[in-house]
N, C-alpha and C. Protein backbone atom coordinates (compact mmCIF):
# COMPACT_ATOMS: atom_id res chain seq x y z
N UNK A 1 162.28 144.54 153.84
CA UNK A 1 162.90 145.79 153.43
C UNK A 1 164.41 145.66 153.52
N UNK A 2 165.08 146.13 152.49
CA UNK A 2 166.54 146.06 152.46
C UNK A 2 167.15 147.13 153.37
N UNK A 3 168.15 146.74 154.11
CA UNK A 3 168.85 147.69 154.98
C UNK A 3 169.73 148.62 154.15
N UNK A 4 169.91 149.86 154.62
CA UNK A 4 170.80 150.76 153.88
C UNK A 4 172.24 150.25 153.93
N UNK A 5 173.00 150.60 152.93
CA UNK A 5 174.40 150.19 152.88
C UNK A 5 175.24 151.16 153.70
N UNK A 6 176.13 150.60 154.51
CA UNK A 6 177.02 151.39 155.36
C UNK A 6 178.46 150.97 155.11
N UNK A 7 179.36 151.90 155.23
CA UNK A 7 180.79 151.62 155.27
C UNK A 7 181.36 152.42 156.43
N UNK A 8 182.28 151.81 157.15
CA UNK A 8 182.90 152.48 158.28
C UNK A 8 184.40 152.54 158.03
N UNK A 9 184.97 153.72 158.19
CA UNK A 9 186.39 153.93 157.98
C UNK A 9 187.01 154.36 159.31
N UNK A 10 188.18 153.83 159.59
CA UNK A 10 188.89 154.21 160.81
C UNK A 10 189.92 155.26 160.42
N UNK A 11 189.80 156.42 161.02
CA UNK A 11 190.70 157.53 160.71
C UNK A 11 191.50 157.85 161.96
N UNK A 12 192.81 157.88 161.81
CA UNK A 12 193.62 158.10 163.00
C UNK A 12 194.84 158.94 162.68
N UNK A 13 195.11 159.89 163.53
CA UNK A 13 196.36 160.62 163.52
C UNK A 13 197.05 160.20 164.81
N UNK A 14 198.07 159.37 164.66
CA UNK A 14 198.70 158.78 165.84
C UNK A 14 199.26 159.82 166.81
N UNK A 15 199.75 160.93 166.30
CA UNK A 15 200.29 161.94 167.22
C UNK A 15 199.18 162.56 168.05
N UNK A 16 197.98 162.75 167.46
CA UNK A 16 196.84 163.26 168.22
C UNK A 16 196.46 162.25 169.31
N UNK A 17 196.30 161.01 168.88
CA UNK A 17 195.87 159.96 169.81
C UNK A 17 196.82 159.78 170.97
N UNK A 18 198.10 159.75 170.66
CA UNK A 18 199.10 159.57 171.71
C UNK A 18 199.03 160.70 172.73
N UNK A 19 198.93 161.92 172.26
CA UNK A 19 198.90 163.08 173.16
C UNK A 19 197.68 163.04 174.08
N UNK A 20 196.54 162.66 173.55
CA UNK A 20 195.32 162.64 174.35
C UNK A 20 195.30 161.45 175.30
N UNK A 21 195.66 160.27 174.79
CA UNK A 21 195.56 159.06 175.62
C UNK A 21 196.56 159.05 176.77
N UNK A 22 197.66 159.78 176.65
CA UNK A 22 198.60 159.87 177.78
C UNK A 22 197.92 160.50 178.99
N UNK A 23 197.10 161.52 178.75
CA UNK A 23 196.43 162.23 179.85
C UNK A 23 195.08 161.61 180.21
N UNK A 24 194.36 161.14 179.21
CA UNK A 24 193.00 160.64 179.46
C UNK A 24 192.84 159.29 178.75
N UNK A 25 193.37 158.21 179.33
CA UNK A 25 193.31 156.91 178.67
C UNK A 25 191.88 156.40 178.43
N UNK A 26 190.91 156.92 179.18
CA UNK A 26 189.52 156.50 179.00
C UNK A 26 189.01 156.85 177.60
N UNK A 27 189.62 157.82 176.95
CA UNK A 27 189.20 158.20 175.61
C UNK A 27 189.64 157.17 174.56
N UNK A 28 190.33 156.15 175.00
CA UNK A 28 190.72 155.08 174.08
C UNK A 28 189.54 154.42 173.40
N UNK A 29 188.38 154.47 174.02
CA UNK A 29 187.19 153.88 173.39
C UNK A 29 186.78 154.67 172.15
N UNK A 30 187.25 155.89 172.02
CA UNK A 30 186.91 156.74 170.87
C UNK A 30 187.95 156.64 169.76
N UNK A 31 189.03 155.92 170.02
CA UNK A 31 190.11 155.86 169.05
C UNK A 31 190.09 154.52 168.31
N UNK A 32 190.39 154.51 167.05
CA UNK A 32 190.52 155.69 166.21
C UNK A 32 189.15 156.27 165.87
N UNK A 33 189.16 157.49 165.39
CA UNK A 33 187.90 158.11 164.96
C UNK A 33 187.27 157.26 163.86
N UNK A 34 185.98 157.17 163.90
CA UNK A 34 185.26 156.43 162.87
C UNK A 34 184.49 157.42 162.01
N UNK A 35 184.69 157.31 160.72
CA UNK A 35 183.92 158.08 159.75
C UNK A 35 183.09 157.05 159.00
N UNK A 36 181.82 157.33 158.83
CA UNK A 36 180.96 156.35 158.16
C UNK A 36 180.21 156.99 157.01
N UNK A 37 179.94 156.15 156.02
CA UNK A 37 179.10 156.56 154.90
C UNK A 37 177.89 155.65 154.90
N UNK A 38 176.78 156.18 154.43
CA UNK A 38 175.56 155.38 154.37
C UNK A 38 174.72 155.84 153.20
N UNK A 39 173.96 154.92 152.66
CA UNK A 39 173.09 155.24 151.55
C UNK A 39 171.77 155.77 152.08
N UNK A 40 171.41 156.97 151.63
CA UNK A 40 170.14 157.57 152.04
C UNK A 40 169.01 157.00 151.19
N UNK A 41 167.79 157.18 151.64
CA UNK A 41 166.63 156.63 150.93
C UNK A 41 166.49 157.18 149.51
N UNK A 42 167.04 158.37 149.25
CA UNK A 42 166.95 158.94 147.90
C UNK A 42 168.12 158.53 147.01
N UNK A 43 168.97 157.63 147.51
CA UNK A 43 170.09 157.13 146.73
C UNK A 43 171.39 157.90 146.88
N UNK A 44 171.36 159.03 147.57
CA UNK A 44 172.59 159.78 147.79
C UNK A 44 173.34 159.18 148.97
N UNK A 45 174.56 159.64 149.14
CA UNK A 45 175.41 159.11 150.20
C UNK A 45 175.57 160.16 151.30
N UNK A 46 175.33 159.74 152.53
CA UNK A 46 175.56 160.59 153.70
C UNK A 46 176.88 160.24 154.34
N UNK A 47 177.47 161.20 155.02
CA UNK A 47 178.74 160.99 155.71
C UNK A 47 178.58 161.49 157.14
N UNK A 48 179.10 160.75 158.09
CA UNK A 48 179.01 161.18 159.48
C UNK A 48 180.22 160.75 160.28
N UNK A 49 180.34 161.34 161.44
CA UNK A 49 181.38 160.97 162.40
C UNK A 49 180.98 161.54 163.75
N UNK A 50 181.70 161.19 164.78
CA UNK A 50 181.35 161.61 166.13
C UNK A 50 181.30 163.14 166.21
N UNK A 51 180.38 163.63 166.99
CA UNK A 51 180.19 165.07 167.16
C UNK A 51 181.25 165.58 168.15
N UNK A 52 182.38 166.00 167.62
CA UNK A 52 183.50 166.40 168.47
C UNK A 52 183.18 167.63 169.32
N UNK A 53 182.52 168.67 168.79
CA UNK A 53 182.18 169.80 169.67
C UNK A 53 181.32 169.37 170.87
N UNK A 54 180.38 168.46 170.66
CA UNK A 54 179.57 167.96 171.78
C UNK A 54 180.44 167.18 172.76
N UNK A 55 181.34 166.38 172.24
CA UNK A 55 182.26 165.62 173.08
C UNK A 55 183.08 166.57 173.95
N UNK A 56 183.58 167.64 173.36
CA UNK A 56 184.35 168.62 174.12
C UNK A 56 183.51 169.29 175.20
N UNK A 57 182.29 169.63 174.84
CA UNK A 57 181.40 170.27 175.81
C UNK A 57 181.13 169.34 176.98
N UNK A 58 180.92 168.08 176.68
CA UNK A 58 180.58 167.10 177.71
C UNK A 58 181.76 166.77 178.62
N UNK A 59 182.95 166.66 178.05
CA UNK A 59 184.10 166.18 178.81
C UNK A 59 185.17 167.25 179.06
N UNK A 60 184.85 168.50 178.84
CA UNK A 60 185.87 169.56 178.96
C UNK A 60 186.53 169.60 180.33
N UNK A 61 185.80 169.23 181.37
CA UNK A 61 186.40 169.28 182.71
C UNK A 61 187.52 168.26 182.89
N UNK A 62 187.59 167.27 182.00
CA UNK A 62 188.62 166.24 182.08
C UNK A 62 189.81 166.54 181.17
N UNK A 63 189.73 167.62 180.39
CA UNK A 63 190.76 167.92 179.40
C UNK A 63 191.46 169.24 179.68
N UNK A 64 192.76 169.22 179.57
CA UNK A 64 193.51 170.48 179.58
C UNK A 64 193.26 171.15 178.24
N UNK A 65 193.47 172.45 178.19
CA UNK A 65 193.17 173.22 176.97
C UNK A 65 193.97 172.72 175.77
N UNK A 66 195.23 172.33 175.97
CA UNK A 66 196.02 171.85 174.83
C UNK A 66 195.43 170.57 174.25
N UNK A 67 194.85 169.73 175.11
CA UNK A 67 194.22 168.49 174.62
C UNK A 67 192.90 168.80 173.92
N UNK A 68 192.15 169.75 174.45
CA UNK A 68 190.92 170.16 173.78
C UNK A 68 191.23 170.71 172.40
N UNK A 69 192.35 171.42 172.27
CA UNK A 69 192.74 171.95 170.96
C UNK A 69 193.08 170.83 169.98
N UNK A 70 193.60 169.74 170.48
CA UNK A 70 193.87 168.58 169.61
C UNK A 70 192.55 168.05 169.05
N UNK A 71 191.54 167.94 169.91
CA UNK A 71 190.23 167.50 169.43
C UNK A 71 189.68 168.47 168.38
N UNK A 72 189.83 169.76 168.62
CA UNK A 72 189.35 170.76 167.65
C UNK A 72 190.07 170.61 166.31
N UNK A 73 191.38 170.39 166.37
CA UNK A 73 192.17 170.20 165.14
C UNK A 73 191.72 168.94 164.43
N UNK A 74 191.47 167.87 165.16
CA UNK A 74 190.99 166.62 164.54
C UNK A 74 189.66 166.85 163.85
N UNK A 75 188.78 167.61 164.48
CA UNK A 75 187.48 167.92 163.89
C UNK A 75 187.68 168.67 162.57
N UNK A 76 188.56 169.65 162.56
CA UNK A 76 188.84 170.40 161.33
C UNK A 76 189.43 169.49 160.25
N UNK A 77 190.34 168.62 160.65
CA UNK A 77 190.97 167.70 159.69
C UNK A 77 189.94 166.78 159.04
N UNK A 78 189.04 166.24 159.86
CA UNK A 78 188.02 165.33 159.33
C UNK A 78 187.08 166.08 158.39
N UNK A 79 186.65 167.26 158.79
CA UNK A 79 185.77 168.06 157.92
C UNK A 79 186.46 168.37 156.60
N UNK A 80 187.73 168.70 156.64
CA UNK A 80 188.48 169.00 155.41
C UNK A 80 188.58 167.77 154.52
N UNK A 81 188.83 166.61 155.11
CA UNK A 81 188.93 165.38 154.33
C UNK A 81 187.60 165.03 153.67
N UNK A 82 186.50 165.24 154.39
CA UNK A 82 185.17 164.96 153.83
C UNK A 82 184.90 165.91 152.66
N UNK A 83 185.22 167.18 152.82
CA UNK A 83 185.03 168.15 151.73
C UNK A 83 185.87 167.76 150.52
N UNK A 84 187.09 167.36 150.77
CA UNK A 84 187.97 166.95 149.66
C UNK A 84 187.40 165.73 148.95
N UNK A 85 186.90 164.77 149.70
CA UNK A 85 186.31 163.57 149.10
C UNK A 85 185.08 163.91 148.27
N UNK A 86 184.36 164.95 148.66
CA UNK A 86 183.17 165.39 147.91
C UNK A 86 183.55 166.22 146.69
N UNK A 87 184.82 166.59 146.59
CA UNK A 87 185.26 167.42 145.48
C UNK A 87 185.02 168.89 145.69
N UNK A 88 184.88 169.29 146.94
CA UNK A 88 184.63 170.71 147.25
C UNK A 88 185.92 171.48 147.44
């Protein structure tokens, strides 16, 4: 059986990354954000990326509110870029 086709894109806003990594360098493993596309069994293309709201819920005790807001903004930016790529 042929494996589905995947592409992985690295998406980074350096100002976001710098602000977060100064306070929480352990989040460096998440940088840059990865957005991936994959071919679904019906031939359409799926798009995914890390679940930022879940990440915030899980690690909120390690983040100041201003840093959590950066993650929220990044989530909005990625969603907007995906919509734009879809032509929405």
